[in-house]
């Protein structure tokens, strides 16, 4: 599913115009992005949690040359689905 698909779905289910639906979807994504940029968690009941985690720097190896390199510290985004979502996915398998 793409952002365009989400906008279309909002448009079809709510009765808002396509322009309004696009604005709603954009607002939700902007809010999620700014929340995660601030290092806060996003918890959506029945769906899951988005969490920004810190990864420490570590030693790695260049696969082409085999030489050791330093992999810098960085932040990563993780998603952990809720139990409700896990059950729903597995019921449809």
PDB file of N, CA and C in Angstrom:
ATOM      1  N   UNK A   1       0.849  -1.173   0.000  1.00  0.00           N
ATOM      2  CA  UNK A   1       0.000   0.000   0.000  1.00  0.00           C
ATOM      3  C   UNK A   1       0.892   1.233   0.000  1.00  0.00           C
ATOM      4  N   UNK A   2       0.577   2.171  -0.837  1.00  0.00           N
ATOM      5  CA  UNK A   2       1.341   3.412  -0.944  1.00  0.00           C
ATOM      6  C   UNK A   2       0.585   4.566  -0.285  1.00  0.00           C
ATOM      7  N   UNK A   3       1.240   5.712  -0.200  1.00  0.00           N
ATOM      8  CA  UNK A   3       0.582   6.895   0.347  1.00  0.00           C
ATOM      9  C   UNK A   3      -0.642   7.262  -0.496  1.00  0.00           C
ATOM     10  N   UNK A   4      -0.511   7.123  -1.820  1.00  0.00           N
ATOM     11  CA  UNK A   4      -1.644   7.405  -2.709  1.00  0.00           C
ATOM     12  C   UNK A   4      -2.812   6.466  -2.420  1.00  0.00           C
ATOM     13  N   UNK A   5      -2.517   5.204  -2.117  1.00  0.00           N
ATOM     14  CA  UNK A   5      -3.561   4.239  -1.767  1.00  0.00           C
ATOM     15  C   UNK A   5      -4.250   4.644  -0.453  1.00  0.00           C
ATOM     16  N   UNK A   6      -3.463   5.111   0.514  1.00  0.00           N
ATOM     17  CA  UNK A   6      -4.038   5.566   1.781  1.00  0.00           C
ATOM     18  C   UNK A   6      -4.965   6.759   1.558  1.00  0.00           C
ATOM     19  N   UNK A   7      -4.511   7.702   0.747  1.00  0.00           N
ATOM     20  CA  UNK A   7      -5.331   8.883   0.442  1.00  0.00           C
ATOM     21  C   UNK A   7      -6.634   8.462  -0.231  1.00  0.00           C
ATOM     22  N   UNK A   8      -6.538   7.547  -1.171  1.00  0.00           N
ATOM     23  CA  UNK A   8      -7.729   7.050  -1.874  1.00  0.00           C
ATOM     24  C   UNK A   8      -8.687   6.370  -0.900  1.00  0.00           C
ATOM     25  N   UNK A   9      -8.142   5.586   0.031  1.00  0.00           N
ATOM     26  CA  UNK A   9      -8.969   4.893   1.009  1.00  0.00           C
ATOM     27  C   UNK A   9      -9.678   5.885   1.937  1.00  0.00           C
ATOM     28  N   UNK A  10      -8.952   6.906   2.396  1.00  0.00           N
ATOM     29  CA  UNK A  10      -9.567   7.945   3.232  1.00  0.00           C
ATOM     30  C   UNK A  10     -10.662   8.656   2.451  1.00  0.00           C
ATOM     31  N   UNK A  11     -10.382   8.968   1.201  1.00  0.00           N
ATOM     32  CA  UNK A  11     -11.346   9.635   0.325  1.00  0.00           C
ATOM     33  C   UNK A  11     -12.630   8.809   0.181  1.00  0.00           C
ATOM     34  N   UNK A  12     -12.486   7.509  -0.049  1.00  0.00           N
ATOM     35  CA  UNK A  12     -13.649   6.647  -0.281  1.00  0.00           C
ATOM     36  C   UNK A  12     -14.453   6.376   0.987  1.00  0.00           C
ATOM     37  N   UNK A  13     -13.783   6.311   2.145  1.00  0.00           N
ATOM     38  CA  UNK A  13     -14.497   5.942   3.369  1.00  0.00           C
ATOM     39  C   UNK A  13     -15.046   7.129   4.156  1.00  0.00           C
ATOM     40  N   UNK A  14     -14.481   8.318   3.969  1.00  0.00           N
ATOM     41  CA  UNK A  14     -14.918   9.449   4.793  1.00  0.00           C
ATOM     42  C   UNK A  14     -15.831  10.429   4.082  1.00  0.00           C
ATOM     43  N   UNK A  15     -15.754  10.496   2.777  1.00  0.00           N
ATOM     44  CA  UNK A  15     -16.552  11.468   2.060  1.00  0.00           C
ATOM     45  C   UNK A  15     -15.867  12.818   1.914  1.00  0.00           C
ATOM     46  N   UNK A  16     -14.645  12.948   2.446  1.00  0.00           N
ATOM     47  CA  UNK A  16     -13.880  14.175   2.236  1.00  0.00           C
ATOM     48  C   UNK A  16     -13.421  14.227   0.780  1.00  0.00           C
ATOM     49  N   UNK A  17     -13.062  15.412   0.306  1.00  0.00           N
ATOM     50  CA  UNK A  17     -12.528  15.526  -1.049  1.00  0.00           C
ATOM     51  C   UNK A  17     -11.138  14.892  -1.081  1.00  0.00           C
ATOM     52  N   UNK A  18     -10.642  14.643  -2.297  1.00  0.00           N
ATOM     53  CA  UNK A  18      -9.304  14.062  -2.409  1.00  0.00           C
ATOM     54  C   UNK A  18      -8.254  14.999  -1.829  1.00  0.00           C
ATOM     55  N   UNK A  19      -8.450  16.293  -2.023  1.00  0.00           N
ATOM     56  CA  UNK A  19      -7.505  17.280  -1.496  1.00  0.00           C
ATOM     57  C   UNK A  19      -7.498  17.260   0.032  1.00  0.00           C
ATOM     58  N   UNK A  20      -8.684  17.199   0.632  1.00  0.00           N
ATOM     59  CA  UNK A  20      -8.789  17.129   2.092  1.00  0.00           C
ATOM     60  C   UNK A  20      -8.211  15.819   2.618  1.00  0.00           C
ATOM     61  N   UNK A  21      -8.482  14.721   1.914  1.00  0.00           N
ATOM     62  CA  UNK A  21      -7.957  13.410   2.311  1.00  0.00           C
ATOM     63  C   UNK A  21      -6.431  13.406   2.266  1.00  0.00           C
ATOM     64  N   UNK A  22      -5.860  14.005   1.222  1.00  0.00           N
ATOM     65  CA  UNK A  22      -4.403  14.087   1.104  1.00  0.00           C
ATOM     66  C   UNK A  22      -3.828  14.921   2.246  1.00  0.00           C
ATOM     67  N   UNK A  23      -4.504  16.003   2.598  1.00  0.00           N
ATOM     68  CA  UNK A  23      -4.038  16.856   3.693  1.00  0.00           C
ATOM     69  C   UNK A  23      -4.072  16.108   5.024  1.00  0.00           C
ATOM     70  N   UNK A  24      -5.113  15.317   5.251  1.00  0.00           N
ATOM     71  CA  UNK A  24      -5.238  14.541   6.490  1.00  0.00           C
ATOM     72  C   UNK A  24      -4.097  13.527   6.587  1.00  0.00           C
ATOM     73  N   UNK A  25      -3.869  12.774   5.525  1.00  0.00           N
ATOM     74  CA  UNK A  25      -2.806  11.763   5.523  1.00  0.00           C
ATOM     75  C   UNK A  25      -1.446  12.434   5.730  1.00  0.00           C
ATOM     76  N   UNK A  26      -1.203  13.549   5.055  1.00  0.00           N
ATOM     77  CA  UNK A  26       0.057  14.284   5.213  1.00  0.00           C
ATOM     78  C   UNK A  26       0.231  14.768   6.647  1.00  0.00           C
ATOM     79  N   UNK A  27      -0.846  15.274   7.258  1.00  0.00           N
ATOM     80  CA  UNK A  27      -0.768  15.748   8.642  1.00  0.00           C
ATOM     81  C   UNK A  27      -0.404  14.615   9.596  1.00  0.00           C
ATOM     82  N   UNK A  28      -1.011  13.449   9.394  1.00  0.00           N
ATOM     83  CA  UNK A  28      -0.715  12.298  10.256  1.00  0.00           C
ATOM     84  C   UNK A  28       0.756  11.906  10.113  1.00  0.00           C
ATOM     85  N   UNK A  29       1.248  11.818   8.872  1.00  0.00           N
ATOM     86  CA  UNK A  29       2.648  11.454   8.667  1.00  0.00           C
ATOM     87  C   UNK A  29       3.600  12.513   9.220  1.00  0.00           C
ATOM     88  N   UNK A  30       3.274  13.786   9.047  1.00  0.00           N
ATOM     89  CA  UNK A  30       4.115  14.855   9.581  1.00  0.00           C
ATOM     90  C   UNK A  30       4.166  14.803  11.104  1.00  0.00           C
ATOM     91  N   UNK A  31       3.023  14.539  11.723  1.00  0.00           N
ATOM     92  CA  UNK A  31       2.970  14.432  13.183  1.00  0.00           C
ATOM     93  C   UNK A  31       3.801  13.239  13.660  1.00  0.00           C
ATOM     94  N   UNK A  32       3.668  12.110  12.984  1.00  0.00           N
ATOM     95  CA  UNK A  32       4.459  10.929  13.351  1.00  0.00           C
ATOM     96  C   UNK A  32       5.950  11.208  13.187  1.00  0.00           C
ATOM     97  N   UNK A  33       6.315  11.843  12.075  1.00  0.00           N
ATOM     98  CA  UNK A  33       7.722  12.133  11.805  1.00  0.00           C
ATOM     99  C   UNK A  33       8.300  13.055  12.872  1.00  0.00           C
ATOM    100  N   UNK A  34       7.601  14.134  13.206  1.00  0.00           N
ATOM    101  CA  UNK A  34       8.122  15.070  14.197  1.00  0.00           C
ATOM    102  C   UNK A  34       8.210  14.432  15.582  1.00  0.00           C
ATOM    103  N   UNK A  35       7.262  13.581  15.919  1.00  0.00           N
ATOM    104  CA  UNK A  35       7.293  12.879  17.206  1.00  0.00           C
ATOM    105  C   UNK A  35       8.509  11.973  17.287  1.00  0.00           C
ATOM    106  N   UNK A  36       8.767  11.216  16.224  1.00  0.00           N
ATOM    107  CA  UNK A  36       9.919  10.315  16.206  1.00  0.00           C
ATOM    108  C   UNK A  36      11.236  11.090  16.173  1.00  0.00           C
ATOM    109  N   UNK A  37      11.270  12.221  15.466  1.00  0.00           N
ATOM    110  CA  UNK A  37      12.485  13.057  15.435  1.00  0.00           C
ATOM    111  C   UNK A  37      12.838  13.562  16.831  1.00  0.00           C
ATOM    112  N   UNK A  38      11.829  13.780  17.666  1.00  0.00           N
ATOM    113  CA  UNK A  38      12.052  14.235  19.042  1.00  0.00           C
ATOM    114  C   UNK A  38      12.407  13.081  19.976  1.00  0.00           C
ATOM    115  N   UNK A  39      12.499  11.864  19.448  1.00  0.00           N
ATOM    116  CA  UNK A  39      12.886  10.707  20.246  1.00  0.00           C
ATOM    117  C   UNK A  39      11.754  10.109  21.056  1.00  0.00           C
ATOM    118  N   UNK A  40      10.521  10.503  20.756  1.00  0.00           N
ATOM    119  CA  UNK A  40       9.371   9.977  21.497  1.00  0.00           C
ATOM    120  C   UNK A  40       8.827   8.718  20.829  1.00  0.00           C
ATOM    121  N   UNK A  41       8.182   7.875  21.634  1.00  0.00           N
ATOM    122  CA  UNK A  41       7.538   6.662  21.119  1.00  0.00           C
ATOM    123  C   UNK A  41       6.182   7.009  20.528  1.00  0.00           C
ATOM    124  N   UNK A  42       5.741   6.187  19.586  1.00  0.00           N
ATOM    125  CA  UNK A  42       4.376   6.282  19.087  1.00  0.00           C
ATOM    126  C   UNK A  42       3.715   4.945  19.384  1.00  0.00           C
ATOM    127  N   UNK A  43       2.659   4.977  20.186  1.00  0.00           N
ATOM    128  CA  UNK A  43       1.912   3.770  20.531  1.00  0.00           C
ATOM    129  C   UNK A  43       0.526   3.877  19.918  1.00  0.00           C
ATOM    130  N   UNK A  44       0.180   2.938  19.053  1.00  0.00           N
ATOM    131  CA  UNK A  44      -1.139   2.921  18.438  1.00  0.00           C
ATOM    132  C   UNK A  44      -1.818   1.624  18.885  1.00  0.00           C
ATOM    133  N   UNK A  45      -2.847   1.758  19.711  1.00  0.00           N
ATOM    134  CA  UNK A  45      -3.538   0.599  20.268  1.00  0.00           C
ATOM    135  C   UNK A  45      -4.083  -0.286  19.157  1.00  0.00           C
ATOM    136  N   UNK A  46      -3.860  -1.573  19.278  1.00  0.00           N
ATOM    137  CA  UNK A  46      -4.349  -2.528  18.294  1.00  0.00           C
ATOM    138  C   UNK A  46      -3.499  -2.594  17.047  1.00  0.00           C
ATOM    139  N   UNK A  47      -2.418  -1.808  16.999  1.00  0.00           N
ATOM    140  CA  UNK A  47      -1.544  -1.794  15.823  1.00  0.00           C
ATOM    141  C   UNK A  47      -0.102  -2.078  16.200  1.00  0.00           C
ATOM    142  N   UNK A  48       0.502  -1.215  17.035  1.00  0.00           N
ATOM    143  CA  UNK A  48       1.870  -1.466  17.459  1.00  0.00           C
ATOM    144  C   UNK A  48       2.571  -0.217  17.940  1.00  0.00           C
ATOM    145  N   UNK A  49       3.884  -0.348  18.170  1.00  0.00           N
ATOM    146  CA  UNK A  49       4.715   0.736  18.678  1.00  0.00           C
ATOM    147  C   UNK A  49       5.846   1.053  17.711  1.00  0.00           C
ATOM    148  N   UNK A  50       6.073   2.339  17.486  1.00  0.00           N
ATOM    149  CA  UNK A  50       7.236   2.817  16.746  1.00  0.00           C
ATOM    150  C   UNK A  50       8.180   3.418  17.782  1.00  0.00           C
ATOM    151  N   UNK A  51       9.449   2.986  17.778  1.00  0.00           N
ATOM    152  CA  UNK A  51      10.420   3.456  18.755  1.00  0.00           C
ATOM    153  C   UNK A  51      11.727   3.772  18.052  1.00  0.00           C
ATOM    154  N   UNK A  52      12.339   4.913  18.412  1.00  0.00           N
ATOM    155  CA  UNK A  52      13.667   5.263  17.908  1.00  0.00           C
ATOM    156  C   UNK A  52      14.682   4.749  18.925  1.00  0.00           C
ATOM    157  N   UNK A  53      15.636   3.936  18.464  1.00  0.00           N
ATOM    158  CA  UNK A  53      16.664   3.372  19.339  1.00  0.00           C
ATOM    159  C   UNK A  53      18.034   3.875  18.919  1.00  0.00           C
ATOM    160  N   UNK A  54      18.924   3.964  19.890  1.00  0.00           N
ATOM    161  CA  UNK A  54      20.318   4.375  19.651  1.00  0.00           C
ATOM    162  C   UNK A  54      21.162   3.128  19.416  1.00  0.00           C
ATOM    163  N   UNK A  55      21.978   3.158  18.383  1.00  0.00           N
ATOM    164  CA  UNK A  55      22.942   2.082  18.152  1.00  0.00           C
ATOM    165  C   UNK A  55      24.332   2.659  18.379  1.00  0.00           C
ATOM    166  N   UNK A  56      25.119   1.990  19.182  1.00  0.00           N
ATOM    167  CA  UNK A  56      26.477   2.443  19.473  1.00  0.00           C
ATOM    168  C   UNK A  56      27.377   2.206  18.264  1.00  0.00           C
ATOM    169  N   UNK A  57      28.497   2.940  18.222  1.00  0.00           N
ATOM    170  CA  UNK A  57      29.451   2.692  17.142  1.00  0.00           C
ATOM    171  C   UNK A  57      30.080   1.310  17.375  1.00  0.00           C
ATOM    172  N   UNK A  58      30.517   0.716  16.302  1.00  0.00           N
ATOM    173  CA  UNK A  58      31.096  -0.627  16.421  1.00  0.00           C
ATOM    174  C   UNK A  58      32.095  -0.849  15.301  1.00  0.00           C
ATOM    175  N   UNK A  59      32.862  -1.897  15.460  1.00  0.00           N
ATOM    176  CA  UNK A  59      33.825  -2.265  14.440  1.00  0.00           C
ATOM    177  C   UNK A  59      33.145  -3.157  13.420  1.00  0.00           C
ATOM    178  N   UNK A  60      33.459  -2.914  12.160  1.00  0.00           N
ATOM    179  CA  UNK A  60      32.918  -3.730  11.087  1.00  0.00           C
ATOM    180  C   UNK A  60      34.014  -4.075  10.109  1.00  0.00           C
ATOM    181  N   UNK A  61      33.666  -4.749   9.053  1.00  0.00           N
ATOM    182  CA  UNK A  61      34.643  -5.142   8.061  1.00  0.00           C
ATOM    183  C   UNK A  61      34.125  -4.777   6.677  1.00  0.00           C
ATOM    184  N   UNK A  62      34.975  -4.164   5.870  1.00  0.00           N
ATOM    185  CA  UNK A  62      34.631  -3.863   4.486  1.00  0.00           C
ATOM    186  C   UNK A  62      34.601  -5.180   3.722  1.00  0.00           C
ATOM    187  N   UNK A  63      33.443  -5.573   3.168  1.00  0.00           N
ATOM    188  CA  UNK A  63      33.360  -6.879   2.505  1.00  0.00           C
ATOM    189  C   UNK A  63      34.224  -6.988   1.243  1.00  0.00           C
ATOM    190  N   UNK A  64      34.530  -5.856   0.607  1.00  0.00           N
ATOM    191  CA  UNK A  64      35.340  -5.908  -0.617  1.00  0.00           C
ATOM    192  C   UNK A  64      36.819  -6.058  -0.319  1.00  0.00           C
ATOM    193  N   UNK A  65      37.292  -5.313   0.696  1.00  0.00           N
ATOM    194  CA  UNK A  65      38.730  -5.335   0.970  1.00  0.00           C
ATOM    195  C   UNK A  65      39.092  -6.177   2.184  1.00  0.00           C
ATOM    196  N   UNK A  66      38.135  -6.413   3.067  1.00  0.00           N
ATOM    197  CA  UNK A  66      38.415  -7.175   4.281  1.00  0.00           C
ATOM    198  C   UNK A  66      39.014  -6.331   5.386  1.00  0.00           C
ATOM    199  N   UNK A  67      39.250  -5.046   5.139  1.00  0.00           N
ATOM    200  CA  UNK A  67      39.852  -4.189   6.164  1.00  0.00           C
ATOM    201  C   UNK A  67      38.798  -3.784   7.200  1.00  0.00           C
ATOM    202  N   UNK A  68      39.279  -3.576   8.441  1.00  0.00           N
ATOM    203  CA  UNK A  68      38.369  -3.174   9.517  1.00  0.00           C
ATOM    204  C   UNK A  68      38.019  -1.704   9.370  1.00  0.00           C
ATOM    205  N   UNK A  69      36.748  -1.371   9.657  1.00  0.00           N
ATOM    206  CA  UNK A  69      36.298   0.017   9.619  1.00  0.00           C
ATOM    207  C   UNK A  69      35.464   0.281  10.861  1.00  0.00           C
ATOM    208  N   UNK A  70      35.300   1.550  11.169  1.00  0.00           N
ATOM    209  CA  UNK A  70      34.462   1.963  12.294  1.00  0.00           C
ATOM    210  C   UNK A  70      33.084   2.313  11.750  1.00  0.00           C
ATOM    211  N   UNK A  71      32.055   1.643  12.250  1.00  0.00           N
ATOM    212  CA  UNK A  71      30.677   1.962  11.867  1.00  0.00           C
ATOM    213  C   UNK A  71      30.157   2.939  12.913  1.00  0.00           C
ATOM    214  N   UNK A  72      29.775   4.133  12.468  1.00  0.00           N
ATOM    215  CA  UNK A  72      29.420   5.204  13.395  1.00  0.00           C
ATOM    216  C   UNK A  72      28.115   4.919  14.142  1.00  0.00           C
ATOM    217  N   UNK A  73      27.979   5.573  15.292  1.00  0.00           N
ATOM    218  CA  UNK A  73      26.746   5.475  16.078  1.00  0.00           C
ATOM    219  C   UNK A  73      25.623   6.133  15.284  1.00  0.00           C
ATOM    220  N   UNK A  74      24.418   5.598  15.459  1.00  0.00           N
ATOM    221  CA  UNK A  74      23.282   6.155  14.732  1.00  0.00           C
ATOM    222  C   UNK A  74      21.982   5.776  15.437  1.00  0.00           C
ATOM    223  N   UNK A  75      20.915   6.380  14.968  1.00  0.00           N
ATOM    224  CA  UNK A  75      19.583   6.062  15.488  1.00  0.00           C
ATOM    225  C   UNK A  75      18.875   5.212  14.453  1.00  0.00           C
ATOM    226  N   UNK A  76      18.070   4.259  14.941  1.00  0.00           N
ATOM    227  CA  UNK A  76      17.278   3.421  14.044  1.00  0.00           C
ATOM    228  C   UNK A  76      15.825   3.446  14.495  1.00  0.00           C
ATOM    229  N   UNK A  77      14.927   3.228  13.561  1.00  0.00           N
ATOM    230  CA  UNK A  77      13.507   3.172  13.860  1.00  0.00           C
ATOM    231  C   UNK A  77      13.074   1.718  13.886  1.00  0.00           C
ATOM    232  N   UNK A  78      12.418   1.321  14.963  1.00  0.00           N
ATOM    233  CA  UNK A  78      11.914  -0.047  15.063  1.00  0.00           C
ATOM    234  C   UNK A  78      10.393  -0.013  15.188  1.00  0.00           C
ATOM    235  N   UNK A  79       9.771  -1.077  14.727  1.00  0.00           N
ATOM    236  CA  UNK A  79       8.323  -1.235  14.871  1.00  0.00           C
ATOM    237  C   UNK A  79       8.060  -2.575  15.509  1.00  0.00           C
ATOM    238  N   UNK A  80       7.264  -2.581  16.557  1.00  0.00           N
ATOM    239  CA  UNK A  80       6.865  -3.827  17.205  1.00  0.00           C
ATOM    240  C   UNK A  80       5.354  -3.928  17.115  1.00  0.00           C
ATOM    241  N   UNK A  81       4.847  -4.911  16.357  1.00  0.00           N
ATOM    242  CA  UNK A  81       3.390  -5.035  16.220  1.00  0.00           C
ATOM    243  C   UNK A  81       2.735  -5.460  17.532  1.00  0.00           C
ATOM    244  N   UNK A  82       1.493  -5.022  17.716  1.00  0.00           N
ATOM    245  CA  UNK A  82       0.742  -5.413  18.912  1.00  0.00           C
ATOM    246  C   UNK A  82       0.297  -6.862  18.773  1.00  0.00           C
ATOM    247  N   UNK A  83      -0.101  -7.444  19.889  1.00  0.00           N
ATOM    248  CA  UNK A  83      -0.589  -8.821  19.882  1.00  0.00           C
ATOM    249  C   UNK A  83      -1.849  -8.931  19.021  1.00  0.00           C
ATOM    250  N   UNK A  84      -2.701  -7.901  19.045  1.00  0.00           N
ATOM    251  CA  UNK A  84      -3.930  -7.894  18.253  1.00  0.00           C
ATOM    252  C   UNK A  84      -3.595  -7.978  16.752  1.00  0.00           C
ATOM    253  N   UNK A  85      -2.599  -7.204  16.316  1.00  0.00           N
ATOM    254  CA  UNK A  85      -2.188  -7.221  14.913  1.00  0.00           C
ATOM    255  C   UNK A  85      -1.566  -8.564  14.535  1.00  0.00           C
ATOM    256  N   UNK A  86      -0.756  -9.118  15.427  1.00  0.00           N
ATOM    257  CA  UNK A  86      -0.134 -10.431  15.169  1.00  0.00           C
ATOM    258  C   UNK A  86      -1.206 -11.498  14.971  1.00  0.00           C
ATOM    259  N   UNK A  87      -2.225 -11.489  15.831  1.00  0.00           N
ATOM    260  CA  UNK A  87      -3.307 -12.477  15.730  1.00  0.00           C
ATOM    261  C   UNK A  87      -4.068 -12.277  14.423  1.00  0.00           C
ATOM    262  N   UNK A  88      -4.374 -11.027  14.086  1.00  0.00           N
ATOM    263  CA  UNK A  88      -5.126 -10.747  12.863  1.00  0.00           C
ATOM    264  C   UNK A  88      -4.359 -11.197  11.627  1.00  0.00           C
ATOM    265  N   UNK A  89      -3.059 -10.985  11.604  1.00  0.00           N
ATOM    266  CA  UNK A  89      -2.239 -11.407  10.456  1.00  0.00           C
ATOM    267  C   UNK A  89      -2.213 -12.928  10.349  1.00  0.00           C
ATOM    268  N   UNK A  90      -2.067 -13.598  11.480  1.00  0.00           N
ATOM    269  CA  UNK A  90      -1.951 -15.066  11.464  1.00  0.00           C
ATOM    270  C   UNK A  90      -3.283 -15.759  11.208  1.00  0.00           C
ATOM    271  N   UNK A  91      -4.400 -15.111  11.507  1.00  0.00           N
ATOM    272  CA  UNK A  91      -5.703 -15.698  11.218  1.00  0.00           C
ATOM    273  C   UNK A  91      -5.968 -15.737   9.727  1.00  0.00           C
ATOM    274  N   UNK A  92      -5.400 -14.767   8.985  1.00  0.00           N
ATOM    275  CA  UNK A  92      -5.628 -14.680   7.547  1.00  0.00           C
ATOM    276  C   UNK A  92      -4.622 -15.483   6.748  1.00  0.00           C
ATOM    277  N   UNK A  93      -3.747 -16.251   7.411  1.00  0.00           N
ATOM    278  CA  UNK A  93      -2.751 -17.044   6.691  1.00  0.00           C
ATOM    279  C   UNK A  93      -3.329 -18.328   6.174  1.00  0.00           C
TER     280      UNK A  93
END
